[in-house]
Amino acid sequence: MRDVIIIGAGIIGSTVAYELSKYNTEVLVIDREREAGLAVTGHNSAIVHNGSDPQENTLKAKYNVLGSKMYEQYAKELQTPYKQIGAFIVATYPEDSVHIDELVLNAKNRDVFVERLTKEEALKLEPNLPDETIEVLNMPTTAIVDPTHLSQQAIAFAKENGVKTAFNEEVVSIEKIVGGFEVSTNKNTYKTKAIVNAAGLYAPMIEKMVSEPTFSLVMHRGDYIILGKEAMSMSSRVLYPVPGPKGKGVLVVPTVHDTVLVGPTAIEVDSPEKDDWTEEGIAEIKEKMPSIIKHVPYEYEIDRIAGIRPKEAKNDFIIEENKHVKNFFNLAGIDSPGIASAPAIAVDFVHRILKEKLNLS
């Protein structure tokens, strides 16, 4: 019988496996994909947000700030690309200043450096900002990563420390047995003392195999346009609009691979399988982009992608033991700022929560 089975090898499951590999434990990671980080993890903006945006007194705020500050060293440890390129939040309406005030206060309370720039100061740094720009919030500690590569590196290092993996396997049932659980996939059956449910979009379905639901997810599809390296001159940093009720809105994101992401949309869907981009989504991106940048060289488009983000109904992360089933742990609803928060979630969950619950040595 294994000590822990992790279901899901996205950035959360993979980093949890890496941290668990530092203990004397028998760990198995199961994922329906062929390798780590290919689902939700590989279809998002890949930004290490600085931590000033999440609502106060939430797990999002806690782990975003911690994760952002530990990311550079964590990326070095996992030998994965990391670039601190900074970000601008672009205000184009007078009422935007109220939200900028809130972000500045959050940043001060969380020891995150930000600064307000006038339109003239901002244009010296980013000449492609829209003419309607009123002011900019400069967030120089914002960074970019490759979350898929980070996940794969975390799994590779975990395997060097003895963690086992079962890719191309889908969990079909979980039975409670004496001393733990029996997990059946479409290929094999495994026994374990504990389960970490890091199954992303499928986390509610995994929980229902052992318990009545304790959380629910709302799914939003985000469409993106990817521009080639010829478009890199359009912006030297991440550009955001002032965040609204539905999130951060469309972004400009230079990537660690010298391409540029523009998008995403935020279209609610009722199934994790509805993950194809649409012409309507692409049109929406192009309609909204002038709010943060004057000119986008769409002639350098090289691809279009879409990804579904699992938002918890109360808009916060779920990181806890199931209320009804001992040693079944949910790590769910990890939407933005999930990439930025992942190292902090993994370290805190494994070295504080799991270490105590499972008496790890």
Protein backbone atom coordinates (compact mmCIF):
# COMPACT_ATOMS: atom_id res chain seq x y z
CA MET A 1 0.00 0.00 0.00
CA ARG A 2 1.33 3.41 -1.01
CA ASP A 3 1.44 6.34 1.39
CA VAL A 4 -0.05 8.93 -1.00
CA ILE A 5 -1.67 8.92 -4.43
CA ILE A 6 -1.85 12.30 -6.17
CA ILE A 7 -4.57 12.51 -8.80
CA GLY A 8 -3.57 15.13 -11.36
CA ALA A 9 -0.16 16.21 -12.64
CA GLY A 10 -0.79 19.85 -13.36
CA ILE A 11 1.37 22.47 -11.68
CA ILE A 12 -0.29 21.80 -8.30
CA GLY A 13 -0.10 18.00 -8.34
CA SER A 14 3.44 18.07 -9.76
CA THR A 15 4.87 20.49 -7.21
CA VAL A 16 3.14 18.60 -4.39
CA ALA A 17 4.78 15.41 -5.68
CA TYR A 18 8.15 17.17 -5.75
CA GLU A 19 7.79 18.37 -2.16
CA LEU A 20 6.57 14.94 -1.01
CA SER A 21 9.62 13.35 -2.63
CA LYS A 22 11.72 15.03 0.06
CA TYR A 23 10.18 12.65 2.62
CA ASN A 24 10.50 8.92 3.14
CA THR A 25 7.18 8.15 1.43
CA GLU A 26 5.80 5.95 -1.33
CA VAL A 27 4.03 8.31 -3.73
CA LEU A 28 2.20 7.68 -7.00
CA VAL A 29 0.99 10.40 -9.39
CA ILE A 30 -1.88 9.49 -11.74
CA ASP A 31 -2.85 11.64 -14.72
CA ARG A 32 -5.05 11.05 -17.75
CA GLU A 33 -2.65 12.97 -20.03
CA ARG A 34 0.59 11.59 -21.52
CA GLU A 35 2.78 13.85 -19.35
CA ALA A 36 2.58 16.59 -16.74
CA GLY A 37 1.18 20.08 -17.20
CA LEU A 38 -0.79 19.60 -20.42
CA ALA A 39 -4.34 20.48 -19.31
CA VAL A 40 -5.31 23.65 -17.41
CA THR A 41 -1.66 24.34 -16.55
CA GLY A 42 -0.63 24.55 -20.19
CA HIS A 43 -3.46 26.82 -21.36
CA ASN A 44 -3.28 30.06 -19.39
CA SER A 45 -1.39 33.34 -19.27
CA ALA A 46 1.69 31.88 -17.47
CA ILE A 47 2.14 34.96 -15.28
CA VAL A 48 3.61 35.12 -11.80
CA HIS A 49 1.29 37.87 -10.53
CA ASN A 50 2.79 40.09 -7.82
CA GLY A 51 0.01 39.50 -5.26
CA SER A 52 -1.61 42.92 -5.06
CA ASP A 53 -4.89 41.93 -6.75
CA PRO A 54 -6.56 39.10 -4.73
CA GLN A 55 -9.15 40.02 -2.14
CA GLU A 56 -7.89 40.50 1.41
CA ASN A 57 -8.11 37.54 3.85
CA THR A 58 -8.26 34.88 1.12
CA LEU A 59 -6.03 31.92 0.36
CA LYS A 60 -5.46 33.54 -3.02
CA ALA A 61 -3.91 36.60 -1.39
CA LYS A 62 -1.84 34.52 1.06
CA TYR A 63 -0.36 32.09 -1.45
CA ASN A 64 0.04 34.60 -4.30
CA VAL A 65 2.27 36.86 -2.22
CA LEU A 66 4.28 33.96 -0.78
CA GLY A 67 4.59 32.24 -4.16
CA SER A 68 5.68 35.38 -6.00
CA LYS A 69 8.48 36.02 -3.51
CA MET A 70 9.83 32.45 -3.61
CA TYR A 71 9.44 31.86 -7.38
CA GLU A 72 12.86 32.88 -8.63
CA GLN A 73 14.66 30.48 -6.30
CA TYR A 74 12.08 27.74 -6.92
CA ALA A 75 12.54 28.06 -10.69
CA LYS A 76 16.32 27.79 -10.26
CA GLU A 77 15.83 24.68 -8.12
CA LEU A 78 13.70 23.08 -10.84
CA GLN A 79 15.89 24.39 -13.68
CA THR A 80 12.98 26.03 -15.48
CA PRO A 81 12.73 29.44 -17.26
CA TYR A 82 11.75 32.48 -15.19
CA LYS A 83 11.87 36.16 -16.21
CA GLN A 84 10.90 39.11 -14.03
CA ILE A 85 9.73 41.50 -16.75
CA GLY A 86 7.25 43.63 -14.77
CA ALA A 87 3.71 44.71 -15.62
CA PHE A 88 1.59 47.81 -16.15
CA ILE A 89 -2.05 48.17 -15.17
CA VAL A 90 -3.37 50.71 -17.66
CA ALA A 91 -6.07 53.11 -16.47
CA THR A 92 -8.11 54.73 -19.25
CA TYR A 93 -11.20 55.97 -17.36
CA PRO A 94 -11.33 58.45 -14.43
CA GLU A 95 -13.14 55.87 -12.27
CA ASP A 96 -10.21 53.46 -12.73
CA SER A 97 -8.25 55.48 -10.17
CA VAL A 98 -10.46 54.11 -7.37
CA HIS A 99 -9.36 50.56 -8.13
CA ILE A 100 -5.75 51.68 -8.51
CA ASP A 101 -6.05 53.13 -4.99
CA GLU A 102 -7.19 49.72 -3.72
CA LEU A 103 -4.32 47.90 -5.41
CA VAL A 104 -1.78 50.35 -4.00
CA LEU A 105 -3.19 49.83 -0.50
CA ASN A 106 -3.14 46.03 -0.94
CA ALA A 107 0.45 46.18 -2.14
CA LYS A 108 1.50 48.28 0.83
CA ASN A 109 -0.18 45.92 3.29
CA ARG A 110 1.45 42.89 1.61
CA ASP A 111 4.95 44.37 1.28
CA VAL A 112 4.75 44.33 -2.54
CA PHE A 113 6.47 47.16 -4.39
CA VAL A 114 4.33 49.12 -6.87
CA GLU A 115 4.38 52.72 -8.11
CA ARG A 116 1.99 55.02 -9.91
CA LEU A 117 3.23 56.56 -13.15
CA THR A 118 1.77 59.47 -15.07
CA LYS A 119 0.82 58.97 -18.68
CA GLU A 120 3.99 60.77 -19.76
CA GLU A 121 6.22 58.63 -17.52
CA ALA A 122 4.56 55.43 -18.72
CA LEU A 123 4.83 56.33 -22.42
CA LYS A 124 8.60 56.71 -22.09
CA LEU A 125 8.72 53.04 -21.07
CA GLU A 126 5.90 51.71 -23.27
CA PRO A 127 5.27 53.96 -26.31
CA ASN A 128 2.52 51.65 -27.59
CA LEU A 129 0.09 52.48 -24.77
CA PRO A 130 -3.32 53.82 -25.91
CA ASP A 131 -3.88 57.55 -26.31
CA GLU A 132 -6.66 57.34 -23.69
CA THR A 133 -4.19 56.32 -20.95
CA ILE A 134 -4.67 58.41 -17.79
CA GLU A 135 -2.16 56.77 -15.48
CA VAL A 136 -0.41 53.44 -14.98
CA LEU A 137 0.33 51.23 -11.99
CA ASN A 138 3.84 49.87 -12.41
CA MET A 139 4.36 46.39 -10.90
CA PRO A 140 8.03 45.56 -11.54
CA THR A 141 8.07 42.24 -9.63
CA THR A 142 5.59 40.56 -12.01
CA ALA A 143 7.24 37.66 -13.81
CA ILE A 144 6.62 35.06 -16.51
CA VAL A 145 7.30 31.30 -16.55
CA ASP A 146 6.56 28.18 -18.55
CA PRO A 147 4.14 26.34 -16.22
CA THR A 148 4.10 23.18 -18.34
CA HIS A 149 7.90 22.90 -18.25
CA LEU A 150 7.90 23.66 -14.52
CA SER A 151 5.39 20.85 -13.94
CA GLN A 152 7.43 18.40 -16.00
CA GLN A 153 10.61 19.35 -14.19
CA ALA A 154 8.92 18.93 -10.81
CA ILE A 155 7.83 15.42 -11.82
CA ALA A 156 11.29 14.60 -13.19
CA PHE A 157 13.00 15.60 -9.94
CA ALA A 158 10.30 13.81 -7.90
CA LYS A 159 10.92 10.61 -9.88
CA GLU A 160 14.64 10.88 -9.16
CA ASN A 161 13.65 10.80 -5.48
CA GLY A 162 11.48 7.69 -5.91
CA VAL A 163 8.03 9.02 -6.83
CA LYS A 164 6.19 6.77 -9.32
CA THR A 165 3.92 8.00 -12.12
CA ALA A 166 1.01 6.52 -14.06
CA PHE A 167 0.32 8.68 -17.12
CA ASN A 168 -2.36 7.91 -19.71
CA GLU A 169 -4.47 6.50 -16.88
CA GLU A 170 -7.89 7.83 -15.92
CA VAL A 171 -9.33 7.26 -12.45
CA VAL A 172 -12.70 5.54 -12.77
CA SER A 173 -13.51 4.66 -9.15
CA ILE A 174 -12.27 5.04 -5.57
CA GLU A 175 -13.34 2.69 -2.78
CA LYS A 176 -12.74 3.25 0.92
CA ILE A 177 -10.98 0.23 2.45
CA VAL A 178 -9.45 -0.59 5.81
CA GLY A 179 -6.48 1.72 6.27
CA GLY A 180 -7.12 3.85 3.21
CA PHE A 181 -8.43 3.67 -0.36
CA GLU A 182 -8.46 1.48 -3.44
CA VAL A 183 -8.07 3.58 -6.59
CA SER A 184 -9.05 1.98 -9.90
CA THR A 185 -8.06 3.42 -13.26
CA ASN A 186 -8.91 2.30 -16.77
CA LYS A 187 -5.73 0.18 -16.62
CA ASN A 188 -4.77 -0.68 -13.02
CA THR A 189 -5.81 -0.81 -9.36
CA TYR A 190 -3.78 0.78 -6.57
CA LYS A 191 -4.07 0.96 -2.77
CA THR A 192 -3.07 3.98 -0.74
CA LYS A 193 -3.31 5.44 2.74
CA ALA A 194 -4.12 8.96 1.48
CA ILE A 195 -5.28 10.76 -1.65
CA VAL A 196 -4.50 14.26 -2.88
CA ASN A 197 -7.19 15.39 -5.30
CA ALA A 198 -5.43 17.82 -7.67
CA ALA A 199 -7.50 16.88 -10.70
CA GLY A 200 -8.21 20.43 -11.90
CA LEU A 201 -11.46 20.62 -13.86
CA TYR A 202 -12.28 17.06 -12.81
CA ALA A 203 -11.71 17.56 -9.07
CA PRO A 204 -15.45 17.58 -8.21
CA MET A 205 -15.91 14.27 -10.05
CA ILE A 206 -13.01 12.69 -8.15
CA GLU A 207 -14.41 13.88 -4.81
CA LYS A 208 -17.86 12.45 -5.62
CA MET A 209 -16.28 8.98 -5.82
CA VAL A 210 -15.76 9.04 -2.04
CA SER A 211 -17.94 11.78 -0.58
CA GLU A 212 -20.88 14.08 -0.98
CA PRO A 213 -19.73 17.33 -2.65
CA THR A 214 -17.99 19.88 -0.44
CA PHE A 215 -17.29 22.44 -3.18
CA SER A 216 -18.34 23.31 -6.71
CA LEU A 217 -16.56 24.83 -9.69
CA VAL A 218 -17.61 27.29 -12.37
CA MET A 219 -15.71 26.84 -15.64
CA HIS A 220 -14.64 29.67 -17.92
CA ARG A 221 -13.02 29.18 -21.31
CA GLY A 222 -10.26 31.60 -22.25
CA ASP A 223 -9.34 32.05 -25.92
CA TYR A 224 -5.87 33.35 -26.84
CA ILE A 225 -4.02 34.55 -29.93
CA ILE A 226 -0.31 33.72 -30.06
CA LEU A 227 1.96 36.10 -31.97
CA GLY A 228 5.47 35.21 -33.16
CA LYS A 229 8.78 36.70 -32.08
CA GLU A 230 8.38 39.52 -34.65
CA ALA A 231 5.69 40.93 -32.32
CA MET A 232 7.95 41.11 -29.25
CA SER A 233 8.59 44.83 -29.75
CA MET A 234 4.91 45.69 -29.14
CA SER A 235 5.45 45.60 -25.37
CA SER A 236 8.39 44.85 -23.09
CA ARG A 237 6.20 43.82 -20.14
CA VAL A 238 2.80 42.40 -19.24
CA LEU A 239 -0.07 44.84 -19.83
CA TYR A 240 -3.36 44.59 -17.92
CA PRO A 241 -6.50 46.73 -17.97
CA VAL A 242 -7.85 47.76 -14.58
CA PRO A 243 -9.45 44.53 -13.24
CA GLY A 244 -13.22 44.25 -13.37
CA PRO A 245 -15.88 41.99 -11.84
CA LYS A 246 -15.00 39.12 -14.21
CA GLY A 247 -11.26 39.25 -13.53
CA LYS A 248 -8.22 40.83 -15.09
CA GLY A 249 -9.62 41.09 -18.63
CA VAL A 250 -7.60 40.82 -21.83
CA LEU A 251 -3.82 40.98 -21.44
CA VAL A 252 -0.64 41.37 -23.43
CA VAL A 253 1.88 38.78 -22.22
CA PRO A 254 5.42 38.38 -23.59
CA THR A 255 6.42 34.74 -22.95
CA VAL A 256 9.68 33.05 -21.95
CA HIS A 257 9.74 31.55 -25.46
CA ASP A 258 9.81 34.94 -27.23
CA THR A 259 6.22 34.88 -28.38
CA VAL A 260 3.34 37.11 -27.25
CA LEU A 261 -0.01 36.00 -25.86
CA VAL A 262 -3.01 38.29 -26.30
CA GLY A 263 -6.25 37.44 -24.55
CA PRO A 264 -8.00 35.74 -22.87
CA THR A 265 -11.75 35.80 -23.03
CA ALA A 266 -13.82 34.59 -20.05
CA ILE A 267 -16.71 32.58 -21.45
CA GLU A 268 -18.65 30.35 -19.04
CA VAL A 269 -18.99 26.74 -20.20
CA ASP A 270 -20.77 23.75 -18.69
CA SER A 271 -18.26 21.04 -19.58
CA PRO A 272 -14.47 20.65 -19.34
CA GLU A 273 -14.55 19.23 -22.85
CA LYS A 274 -15.73 22.52 -24.42
CA ASP A 275 -12.20 23.82 -24.79
CA ASP A 276 -11.94 24.87 -28.43
CA TRP A 277 -11.37 28.52 -29.32
CA THR A 278 -14.07 30.24 -31.36
CA GLU A 279 -14.14 33.00 -33.95
CA GLU A 280 -16.42 34.94 -31.60
CA GLY A 281 -13.82 34.70 -28.86
CA ILE A 282 -11.03 35.89 -31.14
CA ALA A 283 -13.19 38.81 -32.27
CA GLU A 284 -13.85 39.74 -28.63
CA ILE A 285 -10.11 39.84 -27.91
CA LYS A 286 -9.47 42.14 -30.85
CA GLU A 287 -12.34 44.40 -29.81
CA LYS A 288 -11.02 44.81 -26.24
CA MET A 289 -7.29 45.03 -26.92
CA PRO A 290 -7.25 48.79 -27.73
CA SER A 291 -8.04 49.47 -24.05
CA ILE A 292 -4.45 48.51 -23.13
CA ILE A 293 -2.35 48.84 -26.29
CA LYS A 294 -2.48 51.04 -29.37
CA HIS A 295 -1.26 48.64 -32.05
CA VAL A 296 -1.22 44.83 -32.16
CA PRO A 297 0.59 43.26 -35.15
CA TYR A 298 -1.89 40.48 -35.84
CA GLU A 299 -0.07 39.75 -39.10
CA TYR A 300 2.45 37.83 -36.97
CA GLU A 301 -0.15 35.42 -35.60
CA ILE A 302 1.20 31.86 -35.36
CA ASP A 303 -1.52 30.05 -33.39
CA ARG A 304 -4.75 30.23 -31.43
CA ILE A 305 -5.43 28.26 -28.26
CA ALA A 306 -8.06 27.99 -25.56
CA GLY A 307 -8.10 26.74 -21.99
CA ILE A 308 -10.72 26.28 -19.31
CA ARG A 309 -10.17 27.74 -15.86
CA PRO A 310 -11.84 26.13 -12.80
CA LYS A 311 -13.11 28.90 -10.51
CA GLU A 312 -14.46 27.88 -7.11
CA ALA A 313 -17.97 29.16 -6.49
CA LYS A 314 -16.79 31.41 -3.61
CA ASN A 315 -13.79 32.63 -5.65
CA ASP A 316 -11.07 31.18 -3.46
CA PHE A 317 -8.74 28.19 -3.45
CA ILE A 318 -9.84 24.93 -1.79
CA ILE A 319 -6.91 23.48 0.16
CA GLU A 320 -8.18 21.17 2.87
CA GLU A 321 -8.96 17.67 4.04
CA ASN A 322 -12.43 16.49 3.03
CA LYS A 323 -14.88 17.16 5.86
CA HIS A 324 -16.37 13.66 5.63
CA VAL A 325 -13.47 11.44 4.59
CA LYS A 326 -10.21 11.25 6.54
CA ASN A 327 -6.98 11.46 4.53
CA PHE A 328 -8.71 12.63 1.35
CA PHE A 329 -7.37 16.10 0.54
CA ASN A 330 -8.84 18.55 -1.99
CA LEU A 331 -6.59 21.03 -3.80
CA ALA A 332 -9.20 22.51 -6.10
CA GLY A 333 -10.50 25.71 -7.66
CA ILE A 334 -6.91 26.79 -8.39
CA ASP A 335 -7.59 29.45 -11.01
CA SER A 336 -5.66 32.73 -11.27
CA PRO A 337 -3.33 33.40 -9.45
CA GLY A 338 -2.76 29.63 -9.34
CA ILE A 339 0.48 29.61 -11.35
CA ALA A 340 1.98 32.28 -9.09
CA SER A 341 0.74 30.50 -5.97
CA ALA A 342 1.77 26.93 -6.84
CA PRO A 343 5.18 26.76 -5.10
CA ALA A 344 3.77 28.27 -1.90
CA ILE A 345 0.73 25.98 -1.96
CA ALA A 346 2.90 22.90 -2.43
CA VAL A 347 5.40 23.83 0.28
CA ASP A 348 2.76 24.80 2.84
CA PHE A 349 0.43 21.89 2.08
CA VAL A 350 3.14 19.22 2.21
CA HIS A 351 5.44 20.49 4.95
CA ARG A 352 2.72 21.76 7.28
CA ILE A 353 -0.60 20.01 6.59
CA LEU A 354 0.41 16.61 5.20
CA LYS A 355 3.47 16.26 7.43
CA GLU A 356 1.28 16.54 10.52
CA LYS A 357 -1.72 14.56 9.23
CA LEU A 358 0.31 11.64 7.83
CA ASN A 359 3.23 11.79 10.30
CA LEU A 360 5.79 12.12 7.48
CA SER A 361 9.45 11.62 8.19
